[in-house]
C-alpha atoms as a PDB file:
ATOM      1  CA  MET A   1       0.000   0.000   0.000  1.00  0.00           C
ATOM      2  CA  GLU A   2       2.786   2.433   0.864  1.00  0.00           C
ATOM      3  CA  THR A   3       4.432   1.774  -2.511  1.00  0.00           C
ATOM      4  CA  ALA A   4       1.141   2.302  -4.353  1.00  0.00           C
ATOM      5  CA  TYR A   5       0.419   5.479  -2.413  1.00  0.00           C
ATOM      6  CA  GLY A   6       3.919   6.756  -3.121  1.00  0.00           C
ATOM      7  CA  LYS A   7       2.948   6.998  -6.791  1.00  0.00           C
ATOM      8  CA  VAL A   8      -0.098   9.155  -6.024  1.00  0.00           C
ATOM      9  CA  GLU A   9       0.345  12.920  -6.357  1.00  0.00           C
ATOM     10  CA  ASP A  10      -3.306  13.822  -5.860  1.00  0.00           C
ATOM     11  CA  TYR A  11      -6.657  12.117  -5.661  1.00  0.00           C
ATOM     12  CA  ARG A  12     -10.365  12.745  -5.569  1.00  0.00           C
ATOM     13  CA  VAL A  13     -12.850  10.405  -3.941  1.00  0.00           C
ATOM     14  CA  ARG A  14     -16.457  10.445  -2.809  1.00  0.00           C
ATOM     15  CA  VAL A  15     -16.609   9.570   0.872  1.00  0.00           C
ATOM     16  CA  GLU A  16     -19.591   8.169   2.749  1.00  0.00           C
ATOM     17  CA  VAL A  17     -19.322   8.120   6.534  1.00  0.00           C
ATOM     18  CA  THR A  18     -21.952   6.306   8.588  1.00  0.00           C
ATOM     19  CA  THR A  19     -21.858   6.865  12.346  1.00  0.00           C
ATOM     20  CA  PHE A  20     -23.868   4.577  14.611  1.00  0.00           C
ATOM     21  CA  ALA A  21     -25.405   5.821  17.858  1.00  0.00           C
ATOM     22  CA  ASP A  22     -25.800   3.658  20.960  1.00  0.00           C
ATOM     23  CA  ASP A  23     -29.544   3.298  20.241  1.00  0.00           C
ATOM     24  CA  GLY A  24     -28.807   1.736  16.838  1.00  0.00           C
ATOM     25  CA  SER A  25     -29.696   4.783  14.765  1.00  0.00           C
ATOM     26  CA  ALA A  26     -27.243   6.015  12.160  1.00  0.00           C
ATOM     27  CA  SER A  27     -26.280   9.339  10.625  1.00  0.00           C
ATOM     28  CA  ILE A  28     -24.660   9.665   7.206  1.00  0.00           C
ATOM     29  CA  GLU A  29     -22.273  12.237   5.777  1.00  0.00           C
ATOM     30  CA  ARG A  30     -21.347  12.364   2.102  1.00  0.00           C
ATOM     31  CA  PHE A  31     -18.714  14.609   0.595  1.00  0.00           C
ATOM     32  CA  LEU A  32     -16.217  14.925  -2.223  1.00  0.00           C
ATOM     33  CA  TYR A  33     -12.711  14.696  -0.784  1.00  0.00           C
ATOM     34  CA  SER A  34      -9.850  16.209  -2.764  1.00  0.00           C
ATOM     35  CA  PHE A  35      -6.223  15.840  -1.709  1.00  0.00           C
ATOM     36  CA  LYS A  36      -2.940  17.042  -3.160  1.00  0.00           C
ATOM     37  CA  LYS A  37       0.414  16.179  -1.679  1.00  0.00           C
ATOM     38  CA  PRO A  38       1.917  17.097   0.616  1.00  0.00           C
ATOM     39  CA  ASP A  39      -1.027  18.298   2.711  1.00  0.00           C
ATOM     40  CA  ARG A  40      -3.743  20.136   0.739  1.00  0.00           C
ATOM     41  CA  ILE A  41      -7.259  19.036   1.620  1.00  0.00           C
ATOM     42  CA  ARG A  42     -10.679  20.140   0.409  1.00  0.00           C
ATOM     43  CA  LEU A  43     -14.072  18.737   1.379  1.00  0.00           C
ATOM     44  CA  ASP A  44     -17.199  19.668  -0.582  1.00  0.00           C
ATOM     45  CA  PHE A  45     -20.220  18.385   1.341  1.00  0.00           C
ATOM     46  CA  GLU A  46     -23.211  16.797  -0.324  1.00  0.00           C
ATOM     47  CA  GLU A  47     -25.039  15.640   2.813  1.00  0.00           C
ATOM     48  CA  PRO A  48     -26.163  16.771   5.339  1.00  0.00           C
ATOM     49  CA  HIS A  49     -24.778  20.285   4.717  1.00  0.00           C
ATOM     50  CA  HIS A  50     -24.962  20.532   0.936  1.00  0.00           C
ATOM     51  CA  GLY A  51     -22.638  23.285  -0.284  1.00  0.00           C
ATOM     52  CA  LEU A  52     -20.448  23.460   2.828  1.00  0.00           C
ATOM     53  CA  THR A  53     -16.749  23.641   1.888  1.00  0.00           C
ATOM     54  CA  LEU A  54     -13.707  23.053   4.090  1.00  0.00           C
ATOM     55  CA  ILE A  55     -10.175  23.792   2.878  1.00  0.00           C
ATOM     56  CA  TYR A  56      -6.975  23.025   4.777  1.00  0.00           C
ATOM     57  CA  PRO A  57      -4.515  24.614   5.302  1.00  0.00           C
ATOM     58  CA  ASP A  58      -5.111  28.314   4.833  1.00  0.00           C
ATOM     59  CA  GLU A  59      -2.212  30.754   4.912  1.00  0.00           C
ATOM     60  CA  LYS A  60      -2.068  30.472   8.733  1.00  0.00           C
ATOM     61  CA  GLY A  61      -2.400  26.689   8.959  1.00  0.00           C
ATOM     62  CA  LYS A  62      -6.086  26.817   9.854  1.00  0.00           C
ATOM     63  CA  VAL A  63      -9.196  25.353   8.233  1.00  0.00           C
ATOM     64  CA  PHE A  64     -11.137  27.667   5.937  1.00  0.00           C
ATOM     65  CA  VAL A  65     -14.876  27.084   6.373  1.00  0.00           C
ATOM     66  CA  ARG A  66     -17.381  28.375   3.825  1.00  0.00           C
ATOM     67  CA  PRO A  67     -20.978  27.592   4.904  1.00  0.00           C
ATOM     68  CA  SER A  68     -23.721  26.629   2.480  1.00  0.00           C
ATOM     69  CA  GLY A  69     -26.751  28.660   1.379  1.00  0.00           C
ATOM     70  CA  LEU A  70     -26.903  32.389   2.013  1.00  0.00           C
ATOM     71  CA  ALA A  71     -24.349  31.996   4.785  1.00  0.00           C
ATOM     72  CA  HIS A  72     -21.710  31.371   2.070  1.00  0.00           C
ATOM     73  CA  LEU A  73     -21.178  35.149   2.112  1.00  0.00           C
ATOM     74  CA  PHE A  74     -19.380  34.603   5.408  1.00  0.00           C
ATOM     75  CA  SER A  75     -16.345  32.432   6.000  1.00  0.00           C
ATOM     76  CA  PHE A  76     -14.489  31.264   9.073  1.00  0.00           C
ATOM     77  CA  HIS A  77     -10.966  30.135   9.892  1.00  0.00           C
ATOM     78  CA  LEU A  78     -10.832  27.465  12.599  1.00  0.00           C
ATOM     79  CA  SER A  79      -8.038  25.453  14.153  1.00  0.00           C
ATOM     80  CA  PRO A  80      -7.846  21.897  12.788  1.00  0.00           C
ATOM     81  CA  LYS A  81      -8.122  20.861  16.455  1.00  0.00           C
ATOM     82  CA  SER A  82     -11.538  22.552  16.790  1.00  0.00           C
ATOM     83  CA  ARG A  83     -14.205  20.187  18.102  1.00  0.00           C
ATOM     84  CA  LEU A  84     -16.556  21.668  15.497  1.00  0.00           C
ATOM     85  CA  LEU A  85     -14.436  20.009  12.809  1.00  0.00           C
ATOM     86  CA  ALA A  86     -13.974  16.606  14.449  1.00  0.00           C
ATOM     87  CA  VAL A  87     -14.257  13.860  11.848  1.00  0.00           C
ATOM     88  CA  SER A  88     -14.764  11.237  14.553  1.00  0.00           C
ATOM     89  CA  PRO A  89     -13.852  11.214  18.253  1.00  0.00           C
ATOM     90  CA  GLY A  90     -10.241  12.323  18.422  1.00  0.00           C
ATOM     91  CA  GLN A  91      -9.731  12.542  14.641  1.00  0.00           C
ATOM     92  CA  ARG A  92      -8.957  15.927  13.094  1.00  0.00           C
ATOM     93  CA  ILE A  93      -9.495  17.066   9.525  1.00  0.00           C
ATOM     94  CA  ASP A  94      -5.725  17.200   9.021  1.00  0.00           C
ATOM     95  CA  GLN A  95      -5.571  13.454   9.840  1.00  0.00           C
ATOM     96  CA  THR A  96      -7.931  12.272   7.119  1.00  0.00           C
ATOM     97  CA  ASP A  97      -5.867  11.594   4.029  1.00  0.00           C
ATOM     98  CA  MET A  98      -5.274   8.134   2.585  1.00  0.00           C
ATOM     99  CA  GLY A  99      -1.603   8.226   3.563  1.00  0.00           C
ATOM    100  CA  GLN A 100      -2.606   8.603   7.226  1.00  0.00           C
ATOM    101  CA  LEU A 101      -5.013   5.668   6.907  1.00  0.00           C
ATOM    102  CA  ILE A 102      -2.317   3.475   5.358  1.00  0.00           C
ATOM    103  CA  ARG A 103       0.036   4.315   8.238  1.00  0.00           C
ATOM    104  CA  ASN A 104      -2.758   3.509  10.708  1.00  0.00           C
ATOM    105  CA  ILE A 105      -3.362   0.128   9.064  1.00  0.00           C
ATOM    106  CA  ALA A 106       0.340  -0.675   9.433  1.00  0.00           C
ATOM    107  CA  HIS A 107       0.283   0.312  13.125  1.00  0.00           C
ATOM    108  CA  SER A 108      -2.876  -1.760  13.692  1.00  0.00           C
ATOM    109  CA  LEU A 109      -1.042  -4.824  12.408  1.00  0.00           C
ATOM    110  CA  THR A 110       2.192  -4.208  14.326  1.00  0.00           C
ATOM    111  CA  ASP A 111       2.858  -2.049  17.387  1.00  0.00           C
ATOM    112  CA  ARG A 112      -0.820  -1.242  18.191  1.00  0.00           C
ATOM    113  CA  ARG A 113      -2.249  -4.713  17.603  1.00  0.00           C
ATOM    114  CA  LEU A 114      -4.158  -6.198  20.557  1.00  0.00           C
ATOM    115  CA  GLY A 115      -5.197  -9.537  19.109  1.00  0.00           C
ATOM    116  CA  PRO A 116      -4.866 -11.829  16.105  1.00  0.00           C
ATOM    117  CA  ALA A 117      -5.268 -10.443  12.601  1.00  0.00           C
ATOM    118  CA  ALA A 118      -7.301 -12.184   9.902  1.00  0.00           C
ATOM    119  CA  VAL A 119      -6.795 -11.545   6.190  1.00  0.00           C
ATOM    120  CA  THR A 120      -9.257 -12.787   3.579  1.00  0.00           C
ATOM    121  CA  GLU A 121      -9.796 -12.162  -0.136  1.00  0.00           C
ATOM    122  CA  GLU A 122     -13.142 -11.796  -1.877  1.00  0.00           C
ATOM    123  CA  GLY A 123     -12.616 -11.237  -5.574  1.00  0.00           C
ATOM    124  CA  SER A 124     -10.418  -8.173  -5.882  1.00  0.00           C
ATOM    125  CA  ILE A 125     -11.086  -7.006  -2.304  1.00  0.00           C
ATOM    126  CA  ILE A 126      -8.696  -7.816   0.536  1.00  0.00           C
ATOM    127  CA  ARG A 127     -10.242  -7.670   4.014  1.00  0.00           C
ATOM    128  CA  ILE A 128      -8.157  -7.254   7.138  1.00  0.00           C
ATOM    129  CA  ARG A 129      -9.790  -7.743  10.541  1.00  0.00           C
ATOM    130  CA  VAL A 130      -7.832  -6.834  13.662  1.00  0.00           C
ATOM    131  CA  LEU A 131      -8.363  -5.616  17.226  1.00  0.00           C
ATOM    132  CA  ALA A 132      -6.024  -2.703  17.866  1.00  0.00           C
ATOM    133  CA  ALA A 133      -5.529   0.386  19.976  1.00  0.00           C
ATOM    134  CA  ASP A 134      -7.767   3.097  18.551  1.00  0.00           C
ATOM    135  CA  HIS A 135      -5.986   5.338  16.052  1.00  0.00           C
ATOM    136  CA  PHE A 136      -7.138   8.574  17.669  1.00  0.00           C
ATOM    137  CA  VAL A 137      -8.491   7.928  21.178  1.00  0.00           C
ATOM    138  CA  ALA A 138      -6.049   6.812  23.857  1.00  0.00           C
ATOM    139  CA  GLY A 139      -7.032   3.854  26.007  1.00  0.00           C
ATOM    140  CA  VAL A 140      -9.746   2.593  23.622  1.00  0.00           C
ATOM    141  CA  ALA A 141      -9.642  -0.733  21.790  1.00  0.00           C
ATOM    142  CA  THR A 142     -11.274  -0.855  18.368  1.00  0.00           C
ATOM    143  CA  LEU A 143     -12.118  -3.779  16.131  1.00  0.00           C
ATOM    144  CA  TYR A 144     -11.079  -2.667  12.652  1.00  0.00           C
ATOM    145  CA  ARG A 145     -12.079  -4.113   9.310  1.00  0.00           C
ATOM    146  CA  PHE A 146     -10.012  -2.591   6.536  1.00  0.00           C
ATOM    147  CA  LEU A 147     -10.990  -3.062   2.886  1.00  0.00           C
ATOM    148  CA  ILE A 148      -8.177  -2.872   0.331  1.00  0.00           C
ATOM    149  CA  ASP A 149      -8.535  -2.855  -3.453  1.00  0.00           C
ATOM    150  CA  GLY A 150      -6.298  -5.711  -4.600  1.00  0.00           C
ATOM    151  CA  ARG A 151      -5.866  -4.098  -8.038  1.00  0.00           C
ATOM    152  CA  THR A 152      -4.665  -0.672  -6.887  1.00  0.00           C
ATOM    153  CA  TRP A 153      -3.474  -1.624  -3.380  1.00  0.00           C
ATOM    154  CA  LEU A 154      -5.267   1.427  -2.001  1.00  0.00           C
ATOM    155  CA  PRO A 155      -7.916   1.448   0.774  1.00  0.00           C
ATOM    156  CA  LYS A 156     -11.584   1.156  -0.190  1.00  0.00           C
ATOM    157  CA  GLY A 157     -13.004   1.602   3.295  1.00  0.00           C
ATOM    158  CA  VAL A 158     -12.793   0.942   6.984  1.00  0.00           C
ATOM    159  CA  GLU A 159     -15.279  -0.286   9.561  1.00  0.00           C
ATOM    160  CA  GLU A 160     -14.830   0.463  13.258  1.00  0.00           C
ATOM    161  CA  ALA A 161     -16.562  -1.519  15.999  1.00  0.00           C
ATOM    162  CA  THR A 162     -16.292  -2.216  19.695  1.00  0.00           C
ATOM    163  CA  PRO A 163     -14.268  -5.292  20.708  1.00  0.00           C
ATOM    164  CA  ALA A 164     -17.621  -7.094  21.015  1.00  0.00           C
ATOM    165  CA  GLY A 165     -18.448  -6.251  17.405  1.00  0.00           C
ATOM    166  CA  LYS A 166     -20.964  -3.398  17.819  1.00  0.00           C
ATOM    167  CA  LYS A 167     -20.520  -1.019  14.886  1.00  0.00           C
ATOM    168  CA  ARG A 168     -19.357   2.521  15.656  1.00  0.00           C
ATOM    169  CA  ARG A 169     -18.557   3.906  12.216  1.00  0.00           C
ATOM    170  CA  THR A 170     -18.006   2.910   8.603  1.00  0.00           C
ATOM    171  CA  VAL A 171     -16.150   4.916   5.974  1.00  0.00           C
ATOM    172  CA  ALA A 172     -16.508   4.018   2.295  1.00  0.00           C
ATOM    173  CA  PHE A 173     -14.296   5.444  -0.458  1.00  0.00           C
ATOM    174  CA  LEU A 174     -16.212   5.538  -3.730  1.00  0.00           C
ATOM    175  CA  ASP A 175     -15.069   6.355  -7.278  1.00  0.00           C
ATOM    176  CA  LEU A 176     -11.442   6.963  -6.318  1.00  0.00           C
ATOM    177  CA  ARG A 177      -9.485   8.745  -9.044  1.00  0.00           C
ATOM    178  CA  THR A 178      -5.764   9.313  -8.647  1.00  0.00           C
ATOM    179  CA  ASN A 179      -3.323  11.681 -10.340  1.00  0.00           C
ATOM    180  CA  VAL A 180      -6.089  13.764 -11.898  1.00  0.00           C
ATOM    181  CA  GLY A 181      -4.010  16.958 -11.911  1.00  0.00           C
ATOM    182  CA  ILE A 182      -5.902  19.016  -9.339  1.00  0.00           C
ATOM    183  CA  PRO A 183      -4.666  22.618  -9.712  1.00  0.00           C
ATOM    184  CA  ASP A 184      -3.318  24.533  -6.707  1.00  0.00           C
ATOM    185  CA  GLU A 185      -6.035  27.152  -7.263  1.00  0.00           C
ATOM    186  CA  PHE A 186      -8.662  24.597  -6.244  1.00  0.00           C
ATOM    187  CA  PHE A 187      -7.404  24.883  -2.666  1.00  0.00           C
ATOM    188  CA  ARG A 188      -7.388  28.693  -2.550  1.00  0.00           C
ATOM    189  CA  THR A 189      -9.262  30.360   0.320  1.00  0.00           C
ATOM    190  CA  ASP A 190      -9.473  33.921  -0.998  1.00  0.00           C
ATOM    191  CA  GLY A 191     -13.074  33.620  -2.097  1.00  0.00           C
ATOM    192  CA  ALA A 192     -12.594  31.759  -5.362  1.00  0.00           C
ATOM    193  CA  ARG A 193     -15.171  28.971  -5.352  1.00  0.00           C
ATOM    194  CA  GLY A 194     -13.240  26.649  -7.626  1.00  0.00           C
ATOM    195  CA  ASP A 195     -14.657  23.712  -9.540  1.00  0.00           C
ATOM    196  CA  ALA A 196     -15.165  20.602  -7.457  1.00  0.00           C
ATOM    197  CA  GLY A 197     -15.110  18.542 -10.594  1.00  0.00           C
ATOM    198  CA  GLY A 198     -16.613  15.123 -10.660  1.00  0.00           C
END
């Protein structure tokens, strides 16, 4: 995976995040995620806040936030550590790229592993199941199921559950396109809306 990711200069992917509450209900977020090495990130939300845009980093290392609707006339600059921008408990927006996930998978299988790992193949999908120390919350054990595309050797998703198997969150990466030539201007925060592309 690290070798495959080393050949990626930028990528664009539709992300679907499902978060499960203790009562069994679920909330879903969908957004277009654009990334350009070394650290440029842009999220264009489709659901639930259609039109919301986040860009990291701005000129001061903060997250540029442009709300949707009429509020788009206003913009904010928040710390990537802001709880308002938490991707999941303990995870910041600047810890969301595929390279970070690949490093986390490696740690889950080595120094942070808490139990046996199981690897299976279903067609072109490689599934890795392992109990490991949570990537972002100290003192928490998480049962991870990582999905890897066996053709590209890049992640296709991750499922997080309690050690007993109760789902906490799933993240699916859909329609991944790599090395599409995303221009630097797409990550500008000076008011230019940019084209999210498709």
